[in-house]
Amino acid sequence: MMKEVKSQASQPGSPRRQGGLNAEIQSRIGHQLRAMYDDVVRQGVPDRFAELIRKLDQPGAAQAGGETDKNGRD
């Protein structure tokens, strides 16, 4: 099939089909992506990340040159 597409695309004056996927393929890809990302969303935010977000939301957290240890961590 790929050879057909390449040979048709290389012929001058041949009608070019717009790129894209048919509805069935788009639906399958969408279903698989939703299943994969739903699983990620269900995992939630790790406690360490939630704590870092809380620290960033505090007033003064955005000051340049904040205190960090030798490894660049809080």
PDB file of N, CA and C in Angstrom:
ATOM      1  N   MET A   1       0.815  -1.181   0.000  1.00  0.00           N
ATOM      2  CA  MET A   1       0.000   0.000   0.000  1.00  0.00           C
ATOM      3  C   MET A   1       0.864   1.252   0.000  1.00  0.00           C
ATOM      4  N   MET A   2       1.959   1.257   0.759  1.00  0.00           N
ATOM      5  CA  MET A   2       2.838   2.419   0.799  1.00  0.00           C
ATOM      6  C   MET A   2       3.439   2.697  -0.572  1.00  0.00           C
ATOM      7  N   LYS A   3       3.742   1.643  -1.313  1.00  0.00           N
ATOM      8  CA  LYS A   3       4.295   1.836  -2.645  1.00  0.00           C
ATOM      9  C   LYS A   3       3.285   2.529  -3.542  1.00  0.00           C
ATOM     10  N   GLU A   4       2.002   2.159  -3.380  1.00  0.00           N
ATOM     11  CA  GLU A   4       0.946   2.802  -4.165  1.00  0.00           C
ATOM     12  C   GLU A   4       0.887   4.291  -3.866  1.00  0.00           C
ATOM     13  N   VAL A   5       0.919   4.647  -2.596  1.00  0.00           N
ATOM     14  CA  VAL A   5       0.832   6.045  -2.195  1.00  0.00           C
ATOM     15  C   VAL A   5       2.024   6.816  -2.734  1.00  0.00           C
ATOM     16  N   LYS A   6       3.220   6.252  -2.609  1.00  0.00           N
ATOM     17  CA  LYS A   6       4.415   6.926  -3.097  1.00  0.00           C
ATOM     18  C   LYS A   6       4.379   7.089  -4.602  1.00  0.00           C
ATOM     19  N   SER A   7       3.960   6.060  -5.315  1.00  0.00           N
ATOM     20  CA  SER A   7       3.949   6.147  -6.768  1.00  0.00           C
ATOM     21  C   SER A   7       2.892   7.139  -7.243  1.00  0.00           C
ATOM     22  N   GLN A   8       1.755   7.213  -6.575  1.00  0.00           N
ATOM     23  CA  GLN A   8       0.725   8.166  -6.956  1.00  0.00           C
ATOM     24  C   GLN A   8       1.159   9.587  -6.659  1.00  0.00           C
ATOM     25  N   ALA A   9       1.838   9.779  -5.567  1.00  0.00           N
ATOM     26  CA  ALA A   9       2.271  11.118  -5.183  1.00  0.00           C
ATOM     27  C   ALA A   9       3.359  11.633  -6.102  1.00  0.00           C
ATOM     28  N   SER A  10       4.142  10.733  -6.674  1.00  0.00           N
ATOM     29  CA  SER A  10       5.248  11.176  -7.514  1.00  0.00           C
ATOM     30  C   SER A  10       4.830  11.445  -8.949  1.00  0.00           C
ATOM     31  N   GLN A  11       3.617  11.072  -9.342  1.00  0.00           N
ATOM     32  CA  GLN A  11       3.164  11.287 -10.707  1.00  0.00           C
ATOM     33  C   GLN A  11       2.684  12.725 -10.861  1.00  0.00           C
ATOM     34  N   PRO A  12       3.293  13.468 -11.800  1.00  0.00           N
ATOM     35  CA  PRO A  12       2.862  14.849 -11.994  1.00  0.00           C
ATOM     36  C   PRO A  12       1.456  14.890 -12.578  1.00  0.00           C
ATOM     37  N   GLY A  13       0.671  15.831 -12.116  1.00  0.00           N
ATOM     38  CA  GLY A  13      -0.671  15.998 -12.633  1.00  0.00           C
ATOM     39  C   GLY A  13      -1.691  15.044 -12.057  1.00  0.00           C
ATOM     40  N   SER A  14      -1.267  14.109 -11.213  1.00  0.00           N
ATOM     41  CA  SER A  14      -2.239  13.188 -10.622  1.00  0.00           C
ATOM     42  C   SER A  14      -2.975  13.911  -9.501  1.00  0.00           C
ATOM     43  N   PRO A  15      -4.258  13.609  -9.328  1.00  0.00           N
ATOM     44  CA  PRO A  15      -5.007  14.295  -8.261  1.00  0.00           C
ATOM     45  C   PRO A  15      -4.424  13.924  -6.906  1.00  0.00           C
ATOM     46  N   ARG A  16      -4.116  14.931  -6.121  1.00  0.00           N
ATOM     47  CA  ARG A  16      -3.544  14.695  -4.787  1.00  0.00           C
ATOM     48  C   ARG A  16      -4.661  14.563  -3.783  1.00  0.00           C
ATOM     49  N   ARG A  17      -4.583  13.541  -3.032  1.00  0.00           N
ATOM     50  CA  ARG A  17      -5.536  13.332  -1.963  1.00  0.00           C
ATOM     51  C   ARG A  17      -5.053  14.107  -0.751  1.00  0.00           C
ATOM     52  N   GLN A  18      -5.957  14.767  -0.076  1.00  0.00           N
ATOM     53  CA  GLN A  18      -5.583  15.495   1.125  1.00  0.00           C
ATOM     54  C   GLN A  18      -5.068  14.514   2.168  1.00  0.00           C
ATOM     55  N   GLY A  19      -4.034  14.913   2.884  1.00  0.00           N
ATOM     56  CA  GLY A  19      -3.494  14.052   3.930  1.00  0.00           C
ATOM     57  C   GLY A  19      -4.513  13.857   5.037  1.00  0.00           C
ATOM     58  N   GLY A  20      -4.335  12.839   5.795  1.00  0.00           N
ATOM     59  CA  GLY A  20      -5.236  12.583   6.908  1.00  0.00           C
ATOM     60  C   GLY A  20      -5.605  11.119   6.990  1.00  0.00           C
ATOM     61  N   LEU A  21      -6.307  10.826   8.033  1.00  0.00           N
ATOM     62  CA  LEU A  21      -6.718   9.447   8.291  1.00  0.00           C
ATOM     63  C   LEU A  21      -8.223   9.350   8.178  1.00  0.00           C
ATOM     64  N   ASN A  22      -8.693   8.189   7.770  1.00  0.00           N
ATOM     65  CA  ASN A  22     -10.142   8.040   7.671  1.00  0.00           C
ATOM     66  C   ASN A  22     -10.756   8.000   9.070  1.00  0.00           C
ATOM     67  N   ALA A  23     -12.073   8.129   9.120  1.00  0.00           N
ATOM     68  CA  ALA A  23     -12.780   8.246  10.395  1.00  0.00           C
ATOM     69  C   ALA A  23     -12.579   7.024  11.288  1.00  0.00           C
ATOM     70  N   GLU A  24     -12.509   5.843  10.697  1.00  0.00           N
ATOM     71  CA  GLU A  24     -12.339   4.627  11.504  1.00  0.00           C
ATOM     72  C   GLU A  24     -10.985   4.621  12.208  1.00  0.00           C
ATOM     73  N   ILE A  25      -9.948   4.981  11.482  1.00  0.00           N
ATOM     74  CA  ILE A  25      -8.603   5.007  12.078  1.00  0.00           C
ATOM     75  C   ILE A  25      -8.527   6.090  13.147  1.00  0.00           C
ATOM     76  N   GLN A  26      -9.096   7.270  12.863  1.00  0.00           N
ATOM     77  CA  GLN A  26      -9.102   8.345  13.864  1.00  0.00           C
ATOM     78  C   GLN A  26      -9.825   7.901  15.127  1.00  0.00           C
ATOM     79  N   SER A  27     -10.922   7.191  14.948  1.00  0.00           N
ATOM     80  CA  SER A  27     -11.681   6.713  16.097  1.00  0.00           C
ATOM     81  C   SER A  27     -10.868   5.717  16.923  1.00  0.00           C
ATOM     82  N   ARG A  28     -10.193   4.806  16.243  1.00  0.00           N
ATOM     83  CA  ARG A  28      -9.369   3.824  16.967  1.00  0.00           C
ATOM     84  C   ARG A  28      -8.229   4.503  17.725  1.00  0.00           C
ATOM     85  N   ILE A  29      -7.563   5.439  17.076  1.00  0.00           N
ATOM     86  CA  ILE A  29      -6.466   6.160  17.735  1.00  0.00           C
ATOM     87  C   ILE A  29      -7.002   6.934  18.929  1.00  0.00           C
ATOM     88  N   GLY A  30      -8.129   7.619  18.745  1.00  0.00           N
ATOM     89  CA  GLY A  30      -8.730   8.367  19.844  1.00  0.00           C
ATOM     90  C   GLY A  30      -9.082   7.481  21.021  1.00  0.00           C
ATOM     91  N   HIS A  31      -9.646   6.324  20.736  1.00  0.00           N
ATOM     92  CA  HIS A  31     -10.019   5.384  21.799  1.00  0.00           C
ATOM     93  C   HIS A  31      -8.772   4.925  22.568  1.00  0.00           C
ATOM     94  N   GLN A  32      -7.720   4.585  21.845  1.00  0.00           N
ATOM     95  CA  GLN A  32      -6.498   4.120  22.503  1.00  0.00           C
ATOM     96  C   GLN A  32      -5.836   5.231  23.309  1.00  0.00           C
ATOM     97  N   LEU A  33      -5.829   6.453  22.782  1.00  0.00           N
ATOM     98  CA  LEU A  33      -5.249   7.573  23.528  1.00  0.00           C
ATOM     99  C   LEU A  33      -6.041   7.863  24.794  1.00  0.00           C
ATOM    100  N   ARG A  34      -7.381   7.857  24.679  1.00  0.00           N
ATOM    101  CA  ARG A  34      -8.208   8.088  25.874  1.00  0.00           C
ATOM    102  C   ARG A  34      -7.952   7.024  26.926  1.00  0.00           C
ATOM    103  N   ALA A  35      -7.857   5.768  26.523  1.00  0.00           N
ATOM    104  CA  ALA A  35      -7.602   4.687  27.482  1.00  0.00           C
ATOM    105  C   ALA A  35      -6.257   4.881  28.171  1.00  0.00           C
ATOM    106  N   MET A  36      -5.257   5.265  27.406  1.00  0.00           N
ATOM    107  CA  MET A  36      -3.920   5.445  27.975  1.00  0.00           C
ATOM    108  C   MET A  36      -3.885   6.642  28.934  1.00  0.00           C
ATOM    109  N   TYR A  37      -4.445   7.771  28.522  1.00  0.00           N
ATOM    110  CA  TYR A  37      -4.391   8.962  29.358  1.00  0.00           C
ATOM    111  C   TYR A  37      -5.343   8.886  30.536  1.00  0.00           C
ATOM    112  N   ASP A  38      -6.468   8.184  30.399  1.00  0.00           N
ATOM    113  CA  ASP A  38      -7.356   7.994  31.540  1.00  0.00           C
ATOM    114  C   ASP A  38      -6.631   7.263  32.659  1.00  0.00           C
ATOM    115  N   ASP A  39      -5.816   6.291  32.299  1.00  0.00           N
ATOM    116  CA  ASP A  39      -5.040   5.555  33.294  1.00  0.00           C
ATOM    117  C   ASP A  39      -4.062   6.485  34.005  1.00  0.00           C
ATOM    118  N   VAL A  40      -3.426   7.365  33.266  1.00  0.00           N
ATOM    119  CA  VAL A  40      -2.477   8.319  33.857  1.00  0.00           C
ATOM    120  C   VAL A  40      -3.204   9.269  34.801  1.00  0.00           C
ATOM    121  N   VAL A  41      -4.364   9.755  34.384  1.00  0.00           N
ATOM    122  CA  VAL A  41      -5.135  10.680  35.217  1.00  0.00           C
ATOM    123  C   VAL A  41      -5.584  10.004  36.507  1.00  0.00           C
ATOM    124  N   ARG A  42      -5.968   8.754  36.418  1.00  0.00           N
ATOM    125  CA  ARG A  42      -6.422   8.019  37.612  1.00  0.00           C
ATOM    126  C   ARG A  42      -5.312   7.850  38.641  1.00  0.00           C
ATOM    127  N   GLN A  43      -4.069   7.886  38.199  1.00  0.00           N
ATOM    128  CA  GLN A  43      -2.953   7.702  39.129  1.00  0.00           C
ATOM    129  C   GLN A  43      -2.828   8.882  40.091  1.00  0.00           C
ATOM    130  N   GLY A  44      -3.303  10.041  39.689  1.00  0.00           N
ATOM    131  CA  GLY A  44      -3.251  11.201  40.567  1.00  0.00           C
ATOM    132  C   GLY A  44      -1.866  11.820  40.606  1.00  0.00           C
ATOM    133  N   VAL A  45      -1.748  12.846  41.417  1.00  0.00           N
ATOM    134  CA  VAL A  45      -0.494  13.579  41.555  1.00  0.00           C
ATOM    135  C   VAL A  45       0.251  13.018  42.763  1.00  0.00           C
ATOM    136  N   PRO A  46       1.510  12.637  42.579  1.00  0.00           N
ATOM    137  CA  PRO A  46       2.284  12.138  43.731  1.00  0.00           C
ATOM    138  C   PRO A  46       2.371  13.199  44.837  1.00  0.00           C
ATOM    139  N   ASP A  47       2.430  12.754  46.069  1.00  0.00           N
ATOM    140  CA  ASP A  47       2.477  13.667  47.214  1.00  0.00           C
ATOM    141  C   ASP A  47       3.621  14.670  47.105  1.00  0.00           C
ATOM    142  N   ARG A  48       4.776  14.227  46.615  1.00  0.00           N
ATOM    143  CA  ARG A  48       5.926  15.138  46.495  1.00  0.00           C
ATOM    144  C   ARG A  48       5.621  16.273  45.525  1.00  0.00           C
ATOM    145  N   PHE A  49       4.978  15.961  44.414  1.00  0.00           N
ATOM    146  CA  PHE A  49       4.632  17.003  43.445  1.00  0.00           C
ATOM    147  C   PHE A  49       3.595  17.954  44.031  1.00  0.00           C
ATOM    148  N   ALA A  50       2.605  17.397  44.734  1.00  0.00           N
ATOM    149  CA  ALA A  50       1.574  18.241  45.339  1.00  0.00           C
ATOM    150  C   ALA A  50       2.202  19.209  46.344  1.00  0.00           C
ATOM    151  N   GLU A  51       3.157  18.731  47.109  1.00  0.00           N
ATOM    152  CA  GLU A  51       3.848  19.586  48.088  1.00  0.00           C
ATOM    153  C   GLU A  51       4.643  20.683  47.382  1.00  0.00           C
ATOM    154  N   LEU A  52       5.331  20.342  46.300  1.00  0.00           N
ATOM    155  CA  LEU A  52       6.078  21.355  45.546  1.00  0.00           C
ATOM    156  C   LEU A  52       5.138  22.412  44.970  1.00  0.00           C
ATOM    157  N   ILE A  53       3.994  21.994  44.489  1.00  0.00           N
ATOM    158  CA  ILE A  53       3.015  22.948  43.950  1.00  0.00           C
ATOM    159  C   ILE A  53       2.512  23.865  45.063  1.00  0.00           C
ATOM    160  N   ARG A  54       2.248  23.297  46.246  1.00  0.00           N
ATOM    161  CA  ARG A  54       1.809  24.135  47.374  1.00  0.00           C
ATOM    162  C   ARG A  54       2.879  25.162  47.721  1.00  0.00           C
ATOM    163  N   LYS A  55       4.148  24.746  47.702  1.00  0.00           N
ATOM    164  CA  LYS A  55       5.233  25.685  48.015  1.00  0.00           C
ATOM    165  C   LYS A  55       5.312  26.797  46.975  1.00  0.00           C
ATOM    166  N   LEU A  56       5.126  26.454  45.723  1.00  0.00           N
ATOM    167  CA  LEU A  56       5.180  27.463  44.661  1.00  0.00           C
ATOM    168  C   LEU A  56       4.012  28.443  44.749  1.00  0.00           C
ATOM    169  N   ASP A  57       2.890  27.996  45.262  1.00  0.00           N
ATOM    170  CA  ASP A  57       1.715  28.860  45.386  1.00  0.00           C
ATOM    171  C   ASP A  57       1.827  29.833  46.553  1.00  0.00           C
ATOM    172  N   GLN A  58       2.757  29.600  47.462  1.00  0.00           N
ATOM    173  CA  GLN A  58       2.912  30.480  48.619  1.00  0.00           C
ATOM    174  C   GLN A  58       3.524  31.809  48.188  1.00  0.00           C
ATOM    175  N   PRO A  59       3.127  32.899  48.864  1.00  0.00           N
ATOM    176  CA  PRO A  59       3.720  34.212  48.533  1.00  0.00           C
ATOM    177  C   PRO A  59       5.230  34.184  48.725  1.00  0.00           C
ATOM    178  N   GLY A  60       5.933  34.792  47.814  1.00  0.00           N
ATOM    179  CA  GLY A  60       7.393  34.851  47.906  1.00  0.00           C
ATOM    180  C   GLY A  60       8.091  33.643  47.324  1.00  0.00           C
ATOM    181  N   ALA A  61       7.354  32.669  46.841  1.00  0.00           N
ATOM    182  CA  ALA A  61       7.965  31.461  46.296  1.00  0.00           C
ATOM    183  C   ALA A  61       8.660  31.710  44.968  1.00  0.00           C
ATOM    184  N   ALA A  62       8.259  32.744  44.264  1.00  0.00           N
ATOM    185  CA  ALA A  62       8.812  33.017  42.933  1.00  0.00           C
ATOM    186  C   ALA A  62      10.048  33.903  42.989  1.00  0.00           C
ATOM    187  N   GLN A  63      10.570  34.187  44.163  1.00  0.00           N
ATOM    188  CA  GLN A  63      11.757  35.036  44.278  1.00  0.00           C
ATOM    189  C   GLN A  63      12.952  34.346  43.657  1.00  0.00           C
ATOM    190  N   ALA A  64      13.723  35.099  42.895  1.00  0.00           N
ATOM    191  CA  ALA A  64      14.924  34.532  42.272  1.00  0.00           C
ATOM    192  C   ALA A  64      15.950  34.211  43.345  1.00  0.00           C
ATOM    193  N   GLY A  65      16.712  33.143  43.119  1.00  0.00           N
ATOM    194  CA  GLY A  65      17.787  32.795  44.043  1.00  0.00           C
ATOM    195  C   GLY A  65      17.289  32.224  45.347  1.00  0.00           C
ATOM    196  N   GLY A  66      16.198  31.489  45.299  1.00  0.00           N
ATOM    197  CA  GLY A  66      15.667  30.866  46.508  1.00  0.00           C
ATOM    198  C   GLY A  66      16.675  29.892  47.096  1.00  0.00           C
ATOM    199  N   GLU A  67      16.504  29.573  48.365  1.00  0.00           N
ATOM    200  CA  GLU A  67      17.442  28.684  49.036  1.00  0.00           C
ATOM    201  C   GLU A  67      17.234  27.249  48.570  1.00  0.00           C
ATOM    202  N   THR A  68      18.316  26.614  48.156  1.00  0.00           N
ATOM    203  CA  THR A  68      18.284  25.208  47.794  1.00  0.00           C
ATOM    204  C   THR A  68      19.534  24.551  48.352  1.00  0.00           C
ATOM    205  N   ASP A  69      19.508  23.226  48.440  1.00  0.00           N
ATOM    206  CA  ASP A  69      20.699  22.525  48.907  1.00  0.00           C
ATOM    207  C   ASP A  69      21.691  22.353  47.755  1.00  0.00           C
ATOM    208  N   LYS A  70      22.758  21.633  47.961  1.00  0.00           N
ATOM    209  CA  LYS A  70      23.810  21.485  46.963  1.00  0.00           C
ATOM    210  C   LYS A  70      23.329  20.812  45.679  1.00  0.00           C
ATOM    211  N   ASN A  71      22.276  20.004  45.767  1.00  0.00           N
ATOM    212  CA  ASN A  71      21.758  19.297  44.600  1.00  0.00           C
ATOM    213  C   ASN A  71      20.712  20.099  43.849  1.00  0.00           C
ATOM    214  N   GLY A  72      20.413  21.332  44.280  1.00  0.00           N
ATOM    215  CA  GLY A  72      19.414  22.136  43.613  1.00  0.00           C
ATOM    216  C   GLY A  72      17.999  21.780  44.015  1.00  0.00           C
ATOM    217  N   ARG A  73      17.879  21.054  45.120  1.00  0.00           N
ATOM    218  CA  ARG A  73      16.557  20.655  45.599  1.00  0.00           C
ATOM    219  C   ARG A  73      16.206  21.450  46.839  1.00  0.00           C
ATOM    220  N   ASP A  74      14.886  21.503  47.131  1.00  0.00           N
ATOM    221  CA  ASP A  74      14.432  22.197  48.355  1.00  0.00           C
ATOM    222  C   ASP A  74      14.785  21.413  49.576  1.00  0.00           C
TER     223      ASP A  74
END
